[in-house]
Amino acid sequence: MTDIKADGFVHQAIMDQLTFQNKPIRHLSRKLKEYETLYQDLLGQQDEQAELSKEITERLSLQEAFHETIMKQLDEQKTKNQNILDQIDQLRSSLGEKVTDICEKLESIYQLISNNVIGNIIKVFLCLDSKDNPFVSEPVEQLHVQPVPPACTGLNQ
């Protein structure tokens, strides 16, 4: 009987020990399940983070290509603008030369015509006696003929 009693005490001690350890084991089991849930959440967040990182990388690549395209177009436009400015400068220079030439020709034609007209008027006055000429009321010596200024004065400056 002592063996049975001793077995009973051992059995009871084992049961008490199991009951005593069962509570911390259940607590640890709950904690492990919580950690497993947290771990799964972290894995999900890590996957989301990796997906977002991949999407950001793709968008950055697209932005970089777009930026390069715009920069290339700006460079081309700058080249076109410079060509247009060069052409405008050439036209301005050519036009300035042509205007100068035309003004010089007009001045020489004006001088030629005015000299001829004044010369002819003077000849008329000299050839005709002031008494016989109905258009002359004063003697020829008292007439004051002043030259007319050139037609293009100021345009050459």
N, C-alpha and C. Protein backbone atom coordinates (compact mmCIF):
# COMPACT_ATOMS: atom_id res chain seq x y z
N MET A 1 0.77 -1.17 0.00
CA MET A 1 0.00 0.00 0.00
C MET A 1 0.83 1.26 0.00
N THR A 2 1.90 1.13 0.62
CA THR A 2 2.76 2.28 0.61
C THR A 2 3.22 2.57 -0.81
N ASP A 3 3.31 1.51 -1.56
CA ASP A 3 3.68 1.74 -2.94
C ASP A 3 2.55 2.45 -3.69
N ILE A 4 1.34 2.05 -3.37
CA ILE A 4 0.20 2.66 -4.02
C ILE A 4 0.09 4.10 -3.56
N LYS A 5 0.27 4.28 -2.26
CA LYS A 5 0.20 5.62 -1.72
C LYS A 5 1.33 6.47 -2.29
N ALA A 6 2.48 5.90 -2.38
CA ALA A 6 3.62 6.62 -2.90
C ALA A 6 3.39 6.92 -4.38
N ASP A 7 2.81 5.91 -5.05
CA ASP A 7 2.50 6.14 -6.46
C ASP A 7 1.44 7.22 -6.59
N GLY A 8 0.50 7.22 -5.67
CA GLY A 8 -0.55 8.23 -5.68
C GLY A 8 0.04 9.61 -5.47
N PHE A 9 1.01 9.71 -4.54
CA PHE A 9 1.63 11.01 -4.30
C PHE A 9 2.45 11.47 -5.51
N VAL A 10 3.13 10.55 -6.11
CA VAL A 10 3.92 10.87 -7.27
C VAL A 10 2.98 11.30 -8.40
N HIS A 11 1.91 10.49 -8.50
CA HIS A 11 0.93 10.80 -9.52
C HIS A 11 0.32 12.18 -9.27
N GLN A 12 -0.02 12.44 -8.03
CA GLN A 12 -0.60 13.73 -7.65
C GLN A 12 0.42 14.85 -7.88
N ALA A 13 1.68 14.57 -7.56
CA ALA A 13 2.72 15.58 -7.74
C ALA A 13 2.90 15.88 -9.24
N ILE A 14 2.83 14.83 -10.03
CA ILE A 14 2.96 15.02 -11.48
C ILE A 14 1.77 15.82 -11.99
N MET A 15 0.57 15.50 -11.52
CA MET A 15 -0.64 16.22 -11.92
C MET A 15 -0.56 17.69 -11.50
N ASP A 16 -0.10 17.92 -10.29
CA ASP A 16 0.05 19.30 -9.81
C ASP A 16 1.08 20.05 -10.66
N GLN A 17 2.17 19.33 -10.96
CA GLN A 17 3.21 19.95 -11.77
C GLN A 17 2.67 20.26 -13.18
N LEU A 18 1.92 19.33 -13.75
CA LEU A 18 1.35 19.54 -15.08
C LEU A 18 0.36 20.71 -15.06
N THR A 19 -0.47 20.78 -14.01
CA THR A 19 -1.43 21.86 -13.88
C THR A 19 -0.68 23.19 -13.73
N PHE A 20 0.36 23.15 -12.91
CA PHE A 20 1.15 24.36 -12.68
C PHE A 20 1.83 24.81 -13.98
N GLN A 21 2.35 23.89 -14.78
CA GLN A 21 3.04 24.23 -16.02
C GLN A 21 2.07 24.53 -17.17
N ASN A 22 0.84 24.00 -17.06
CA ASN A 22 -0.14 24.18 -18.13
C ASN A 22 -0.47 25.66 -18.34
N LYS A 23 -0.60 26.42 -17.26
CA LYS A 23 -0.94 27.84 -17.37
C LYS A 23 0.15 28.62 -18.12
N PRO A 24 1.43 28.50 -17.73
CA PRO A 24 2.46 29.20 -18.50
C PRO A 24 2.58 28.70 -19.94
N ILE A 25 2.34 27.40 -20.14
CA ILE A 25 2.43 26.86 -21.50
C ILE A 25 1.31 27.46 -22.35
N ARG A 26 0.09 27.56 -21.79
CA ARG A 26 -1.02 28.17 -22.53
C ARG A 26 -0.70 29.65 -22.80
N HIS A 27 -0.13 30.31 -21.81
CA HIS A 27 0.24 31.72 -22.00
C HIS A 27 1.28 31.84 -23.12
N LEU A 28 2.30 30.98 -23.09
CA LEU A 28 3.33 30.97 -24.14
C LEU A 28 2.72 30.62 -25.50
N SER A 29 1.78 29.71 -25.51
CA SER A 29 1.13 29.33 -26.76
C SER A 29 0.35 30.51 -27.34
N ARG A 30 -0.37 31.23 -26.46
CA ARG A 30 -1.09 32.44 -26.93
C ARG A 30 -0.10 33.47 -27.45
N LYS A 31 0.96 33.65 -26.73
CA LYS A 31 1.97 34.62 -27.17
C LYS A 31 2.57 34.20 -28.52
N LEU A 32 2.85 32.93 -28.69
CA LEU A 32 3.39 32.45 -29.97
C LEU A 32 2.40 32.70 -31.10
N LYS A 33 1.09 32.47 -30.82
CA LYS A 33 0.08 32.74 -31.84
C LYS A 33 0.03 34.23 -32.16
N GLU A 34 0.13 35.08 -31.15
CA GLU A 34 0.17 36.54 -31.37
C GLU A 34 1.40 36.91 -32.20
N TYR A 35 2.55 36.32 -31.84
CA TYR A 35 3.77 36.61 -32.59
C TYR A 35 3.66 36.10 -34.03
N GLU A 36 3.03 34.95 -34.21
CA GLU A 36 2.84 34.42 -35.54
C GLU A 36 1.95 35.36 -36.36
N THR A 37 0.88 35.89 -35.74
CA THR A 37 0.00 36.85 -36.42
C THR A 37 0.78 38.12 -36.77
N LEU A 38 1.54 38.60 -35.78
CA LEU A 38 2.36 39.79 -36.04
C LEU A 38 3.38 39.54 -37.15
N TYR A 39 3.96 38.34 -37.13
CA TYR A 39 4.94 37.98 -38.14
C TYR A 39 4.28 37.96 -39.53
N GLN A 40 3.09 37.39 -39.62
CA GLN A 40 2.36 37.36 -40.89
C GLN A 40 2.02 38.79 -41.36
N ASP A 41 1.61 39.63 -40.39
CA ASP A 41 1.34 41.04 -40.73
C ASP A 41 2.61 41.72 -41.25
N LEU A 42 3.72 41.49 -40.58
CA LEU A 42 4.98 42.08 -41.02
C LEU A 42 5.38 41.58 -42.40
N LEU A 43 5.18 40.28 -42.66
CA LEU A 43 5.47 39.76 -43.99
C LEU A 43 4.59 40.42 -45.04
N GLY A 44 3.32 40.62 -44.71
CA GLY A 44 2.41 41.30 -45.64
C GLY A 44 2.85 42.74 -45.89
N GLN A 45 3.24 43.42 -44.80
CA GLN A 45 3.71 44.80 -44.95
C GLN A 45 5.02 44.84 -45.74
N GLN A 46 5.87 43.86 -45.52
CA GLN A 46 7.12 43.81 -46.27
C GLN A 46 6.84 43.59 -47.76
N ASP A 47 5.88 42.72 -48.07
CA ASP A 47 5.51 42.51 -49.48
C ASP A 47 4.93 43.79 -50.07
N GLU A 48 4.07 44.49 -49.30
CA GLU A 48 3.52 45.75 -49.77
C GLU A 48 4.63 46.77 -50.00
N GLN A 49 5.58 46.81 -49.07
CA GLN A 49 6.71 47.74 -49.19
C GLN A 49 7.53 47.42 -50.43
N ALA A 50 7.75 46.14 -50.69
CA ALA A 50 8.52 45.75 -51.87
C ALA A 50 7.75 46.13 -53.14
N GLU A 51 6.43 45.93 -53.13
CA GLU A 51 5.61 46.30 -54.29
C GLU A 51 5.64 47.81 -54.51
N LEU A 52 5.51 48.58 -53.42
CA LEU A 52 5.58 50.05 -53.54
C LEU A 52 6.94 50.50 -54.03
N SER A 53 7.98 49.86 -53.53
CA SER A 53 9.34 50.21 -53.97
C SER A 53 9.51 49.92 -55.46
N LYS A 54 8.96 48.80 -55.92
CA LYS A 54 9.03 48.46 -57.34
C LYS A 54 8.26 49.48 -58.17
N GLU A 55 7.07 49.85 -57.70
CA GLU A 55 6.26 50.84 -58.41
C GLU A 55 6.95 52.20 -58.47
N ILE A 56 7.56 52.61 -57.36
CA ILE A 56 8.29 53.88 -57.33
C ILE A 56 9.47 53.84 -58.30
N THR A 57 10.17 52.73 -58.34
CA THR A 57 11.30 52.59 -59.26
C THR A 57 10.84 52.69 -60.70
N GLU A 58 9.71 52.04 -61.02
CA GLU A 58 9.17 52.12 -62.38
C GLU A 58 8.78 53.55 -62.73
N ARG A 59 8.12 54.22 -61.79
CA ARG A 59 7.71 55.61 -62.04
C ARG A 59 8.92 56.53 -62.20
N LEU A 60 9.94 56.30 -61.40
CA LEU A 60 11.16 57.10 -61.53
C LEU A 60 11.82 56.88 -62.89
N SER A 61 11.82 55.64 -63.35
CA SER A 61 12.38 55.35 -64.68
C SER A 61 11.59 56.06 -65.76
N LEU A 62 10.27 56.02 -65.62
CA LEU A 62 9.41 56.70 -66.58
C LEU A 62 9.64 58.22 -66.54
N GLN A 63 9.74 58.78 -65.34
CA GLN A 63 10.01 60.21 -65.18
C GLN A 63 11.35 60.58 -65.78
N GLU A 64 12.33 59.74 -65.59
CA GLU A 64 13.67 60.01 -66.13
C GLU A 64 13.63 60.02 -67.66
N ALA A 65 12.92 59.05 -68.25
CA ALA A 65 12.79 59.02 -69.71
C ALA A 65 12.05 60.25 -70.20
N PHE A 66 11.00 60.63 -69.51
CA PHE A 66 10.23 61.82 -69.87
C PHE A 66 11.11 63.07 -69.77
N HIS A 67 11.88 63.15 -68.69
CA HIS A 67 12.78 64.29 -68.48
C HIS A 67 13.82 64.36 -69.61
N GLU A 68 14.39 63.23 -69.97
CA GLU A 68 15.38 63.20 -71.05
C GLU A 68 14.77 63.65 -72.37
N THR A 69 13.52 63.21 -72.63
CA THR A 69 12.83 63.61 -73.86
C THR A 69 12.62 65.11 -73.89
N ILE A 70 12.17 65.66 -72.78
CA ILE A 70 11.93 67.11 -72.70
C ILE A 70 13.24 67.87 -72.87
N MET A 71 14.29 67.43 -72.23
CA MET A 71 15.58 68.11 -72.35
C MET A 71 16.08 68.06 -73.80
N LYS A 72 15.88 66.93 -74.47
CA LYS A 72 16.29 66.82 -75.87
C LYS A 72 15.48 67.79 -76.73
N GLN A 73 14.16 67.87 -76.48
CA GLN A 73 13.32 68.79 -77.24
C GLN A 73 13.72 70.24 -76.97
N LEU A 74 14.06 70.55 -75.72
CA LEU A 74 14.50 71.91 -75.39
C LEU A 74 15.80 72.25 -76.11
N ASP A 75 16.71 71.30 -76.16
CA ASP A 75 17.97 71.53 -76.88
C ASP A 75 17.71 71.76 -78.37
N GLU A 76 16.81 70.95 -78.95
CA GLU A 76 16.47 71.13 -80.37
C GLU A 76 15.82 72.49 -80.60
N GLN A 77 14.92 72.89 -79.68
CA GLN A 77 14.26 74.19 -79.82
C GLN A 77 15.26 75.32 -79.68
N LYS A 78 16.21 75.16 -78.78
CA LYS A 78 17.24 76.17 -78.60
C LYS A 78 18.06 76.33 -79.88
N THR A 79 18.39 75.20 -80.52
CA THR A 79 19.13 75.24 -81.77
C THR A 79 18.31 75.94 -82.86
N LYS A 80 17.03 75.60 -82.95
CA LYS A 80 16.15 76.24 -83.94
C LYS A 80 16.06 77.75 -83.68
N ASN A 81 15.89 78.12 -82.42
CA ASN A 81 15.81 79.55 -82.08
C ASN A 81 17.08 80.28 -82.46
N GLN A 82 18.23 79.65 -82.23
CA GLN A 82 19.51 80.28 -82.57
C GLN A 82 19.63 80.46 -84.08
N ASN A 83 19.17 79.45 -84.83
CA ASN A 83 19.20 79.56 -86.30
C ASN A 83 18.31 80.71 -86.77
N ILE A 84 17.14 80.82 -86.16
CA ILE A 84 16.22 81.91 -86.53
C ILE A 84 16.85 83.26 -86.19
N LEU A 85 17.46 83.38 -85.03
CA LEU A 85 18.12 84.63 -84.65
C LEU A 85 19.25 84.98 -85.63
N ASP A 86 20.01 83.97 -86.02
CA ASP A 86 21.08 84.21 -87.00
C ASP A 86 20.51 84.70 -88.32
N GLN A 87 19.41 84.08 -88.76
CA GLN A 87 18.78 84.50 -90.02
C GLN A 87 18.24 85.93 -89.91
N ILE A 88 17.64 86.26 -88.76
CA ILE A 88 17.14 87.62 -88.55
C ILE A 88 18.29 88.62 -88.59
N ASP A 89 19.41 88.29 -87.95
CA ASP A 89 20.58 89.18 -87.99
C ASP A 89 21.08 89.36 -89.43
N GLN A 90 21.10 88.28 -90.20
CA GLN A 90 21.53 88.39 -91.59
C GLN A 90 20.58 89.27 -92.39
N LEU A 91 19.27 89.07 -92.18
CA LEU A 91 18.28 89.90 -92.88
C LEU A 91 18.41 91.37 -92.48
N ARG A 92 18.61 91.61 -91.20
CA ARG A 92 18.76 92.99 -90.71
C ARG A 92 19.98 93.64 -91.35
N SER A 93 21.07 92.91 -91.39
CA SER A 93 22.29 93.45 -92.00
C SER A 93 22.09 93.72 -93.49
N SER A 94 21.51 92.75 -94.18
CA SER A 94 21.27 92.90 -95.62
C SER A 94 20.31 94.05 -95.89
N LEU A 95 19.25 94.13 -95.10
CA LEU A 95 18.28 95.20 -95.28
C LEU A 95 18.91 96.57 -95.01
N GLY A 96 19.74 96.64 -93.98
CA GLY A 96 20.45 97.90 -93.68
C GLY A 96 21.32 98.32 -94.84
N GLU A 97 22.05 97.37 -95.43
CA GLU A 97 22.90 97.69 -96.58
C GLU A 97 22.07 98.19 -97.76
N LYS A 98 20.95 97.51 -98.02
CA LYS A 98 20.10 97.89 -99.15
C LYS A 98 19.49 99.27 -98.93
N VAL A 99 19.05 99.55 -97.69
CA VAL A 99 18.48 100.87 -97.39
C VAL A 99 19.54 101.95 -97.59
N THR A 100 20.74 101.68 -97.14
CA THR A 100 21.83 102.64 -97.31
C THR A 100 22.10 102.88 -98.80
N ASP A 101 22.16 101.81 -99.57
CA ASP A 101 22.39 101.96 -101.02
C ASP A 101 21.26 102.77 -101.67
N ILE A 102 20.02 102.46 -101.31
CA ILE A 102 18.89 103.18 -101.90
C ILE A 102 18.94 104.66 -101.52
N CYS A 103 19.25 104.96 -100.27
CA CYS A 103 19.34 106.36 -99.84
C CYS A 103 20.45 107.10 -100.59
N GLU A 104 21.58 106.43 -100.77
CA GLU A 104 22.66 107.07 -101.51
C GLU A 104 22.25 107.34 -102.96
N LYS A 105 21.56 106.38 -103.58
CA LYS A 105 21.09 106.58 -104.95
C LYS A 105 20.07 107.70 -105.02
N LEU A 106 19.14 107.72 -104.03
CA LEU A 106 18.15 108.79 -104.01
C LEU A 106 18.81 110.16 -103.84
N GLU A 107 19.81 110.23 -102.98
CA GLU A 107 20.51 111.50 -102.78
C GLU A 107 21.21 111.94 -104.07
N SER A 108 21.86 110.99 -104.75
CA SER A 108 22.56 111.38 -105.98
C SER A 108 21.55 111.78 -107.06
N ILE A 109 20.41 111.05 -107.13
CA ILE A 109 19.37 111.43 -108.10
C ILE A 109 18.80 112.79 -107.75
N TYR A 110 18.56 113.02 -106.47
CA TYR A 110 18.03 114.31 -106.03
C TYR A 110 18.99 115.43 -106.37
N GLN A 111 20.26 115.22 -106.09
CA GLN A 111 21.27 116.24 -106.41
C GLN A 111 21.32 116.50 -107.92
N LEU A 112 21.27 115.43 -108.70
CA LEU A 112 21.32 115.56 -110.14
C LEU A 112 20.10 116.34 -110.65
N ILE A 113 18.92 115.95 -110.18
CA ILE A 113 17.69 116.63 -110.62
C ILE A 113 17.67 118.07 -110.14
N SER A 114 17.99 118.27 -108.86
CA SER A 114 17.94 119.64 -108.34
C SER A 114 18.97 120.54 -109.03
N ASN A 115 20.16 120.02 -109.30
CA ASN A 115 21.17 120.80 -110.02
C ASN A 115 20.69 121.14 -111.43
N ASN A 116 20.08 120.15 -112.10
CA ASN A 116 19.58 120.39 -113.46
C ASN A 116 18.45 121.41 -113.46
N VAL A 117 17.51 121.25 -112.52
CA VAL A 117 16.37 122.17 -112.46
C VAL A 117 16.84 123.58 -112.13
N ILE A 118 17.69 123.72 -111.14
CA ILE A 118 18.19 125.04 -110.75
C ILE A 118 19.01 125.64 -111.90
N GLY A 119 19.82 124.79 -112.52
CA GLY A 119 20.62 125.27 -113.67
C GLY A 119 19.72 125.75 -114.80
N ASN A 120 18.66 124.99 -115.08
CA ASN A 120 17.73 125.40 -116.14
C ASN A 120 17.00 126.68 -115.77
N ILE A 121 16.61 126.80 -114.53
CA ILE A 121 15.92 128.03 -114.10
C ILE A 121 16.86 129.22 -114.23
N ILE A 122 18.09 129.04 -113.80
CA ILE A 122 19.06 130.13 -113.90
C ILE A 122 19.31 130.49 -115.37
N LYS A 123 19.40 129.47 -116.22
CA LYS A 123 19.60 129.73 -117.65
C LYS A 123 18.43 130.52 -118.23
N VAL A 124 17.25 130.13 -117.79
CA VAL A 124 16.07 130.83 -118.28
C VAL A 124 16.13 132.29 -117.85
N PHE A 125 16.49 132.50 -116.61
CA PHE A 125 16.56 133.87 -116.12
C PHE A 125 17.68 134.66 -116.78
N LEU A 126 18.76 134.00 -117.03
CA LEU A 126 19.87 134.70 -117.67
C LEU A 126 19.60 134.97 -119.15
N CYS A 127 18.92 134.05 -119.77
CA CYS A 127 18.65 134.20 -121.20
C CYS A 127 17.59 135.26 -121.46
N LEU A 128 16.69 135.36 -120.57
CA LEU A 128 15.61 136.33 -120.78
C LEU A 128 15.92 137.61 -120.03
N ASP A 129 15.63 138.63 -120.61
CA ASP A 129 15.77 139.91 -119.93
C ASP A 129 14.63 140.00 -118.94
N SER A 130 14.93 140.48 -117.78
CA SER A 130 13.90 140.57 -116.76
C SER A 130 12.74 141.44 -117.22
N LYS A 131 12.98 142.31 -118.11
CA LYS A 131 11.91 143.16 -118.61
C LYS A 131 10.98 142.37 -119.51
N ASP A 132 11.54 141.42 -120.25
CA ASP A 132 10.75 140.64 -121.19
C ASP A 132 10.07 139.43 -120.53
N ASN A 133 10.52 139.07 -119.34
CA ASN A 133 10.00 137.88 -118.66
C ASN A 133 8.84 138.27 -117.74
N PRO A 134 7.63 137.77 -117.99
CA PRO A 134 6.50 138.14 -117.14
C PRO A 134 6.56 137.52 -115.76
N PHE A 135 7.41 136.45 -115.56
CA PHE A 135 7.48 135.78 -114.27
C PHE A 135 8.49 136.39 -113.31
N VAL A 136 9.30 137.25 -113.80
CA VAL A 136 10.36 137.83 -112.97
C VAL A 136 9.98 139.27 -112.68
N SER A 137 9.89 139.60 -111.40
CA SER A 137 9.58 140.97 -111.02
C SER A 137 10.83 141.67 -110.51
N GLU A 138 11.88 140.91 -110.18
CA GLU A 138 13.12 141.48 -109.67
C GLU A 138 14.24 141.13 -110.64
N PRO A 139 15.31 141.86 -110.61
CA PRO A 139 16.45 141.50 -111.46
C PRO A 139 17.03 140.16 -110.99
N VAL A 140 17.66 139.44 -111.88
CA VAL A 140 18.20 138.12 -111.62
C VAL A 140 19.23 138.17 -110.51
N GLU A 141 19.98 139.22 -110.39
CA GLU A 141 21.04 139.31 -109.40
C GLU A 141 20.48 139.29 -107.98
N GLN A 142 19.24 139.73 -107.81
CA GLN A 142 18.68 139.81 -106.47
C GLN A 142 17.96 138.51 -106.05
N LEU A 143 17.85 137.54 -106.91
CA LEU A 143 17.20 136.27 -106.56
C LEU A 143 18.14 135.46 -105.66
N HIS A 144 17.58 134.88 -104.62
CA HIS A 144 18.37 134.05 -103.69
C HIS A 144 17.88 132.61 -103.82
N VAL A 145 18.66 131.75 -104.39
CA VAL A 145 18.29 130.34 -104.55
C VAL A 145 19.06 129.56 -103.49
N GLN A 146 18.31 128.86 -102.62
CA GLN A 146 18.95 128.07 -101.56
C GLN A 146 18.83 126.59 -101.89
N PRO A 147 19.89 125.82 -101.67
CA PRO A 147 19.81 124.39 -101.97
C PRO A 147 18.86 123.69 -100.99
N VAL A 148 18.20 122.66 -101.50
CA VAL A 148 17.27 121.88 -100.67
C VAL A 148 18.06 120.76 -100.01
N PRO A 149 17.77 120.47 -98.72
CA PRO A 149 18.54 119.41 -98.04
C PRO A 149 18.34 118.05 -98.70
N PRO A 150 19.32 117.14 -98.54
CA PRO A 150 19.23 115.81 -99.16
C PRO A 150 17.98 115.06 -98.68
N ALA A 151 17.46 114.17 -99.50
CA ALA A 151 16.21 113.47 -99.20
C ALA A 151 16.35 112.46 -98.07
N CYS A 152 17.49 111.84 -97.96
CA CYS A 152 17.62 110.75 -96.98
C CYS A 152 18.50 111.13 -95.79
N THR A 153 18.60 112.37 -95.46
CA THR A 153 19.44 112.78 -94.34
C THR A 153 18.88 112.15 -93.07
N GLY A 154 19.73 111.52 -92.28
CA GLY A 154 19.31 110.91 -91.02
C GLY A 154 19.04 109.42 -91.15
N LEU A 155 18.82 108.88 -92.33
CA LEU A 155 18.54 107.46 -92.49
C LEU A 155 19.82 106.64 -92.43
N ASN A 156 20.96 107.23 -92.75
CA ASN A 156 22.22 106.50 -92.77
C ASN A 156 22.81 106.31 -91.37
N GLN A 157 22.25 106.96 -90.41
CA GLN A 157 22.85 106.93 -89.06
C GLN A 157 22.44 105.72 -88.29
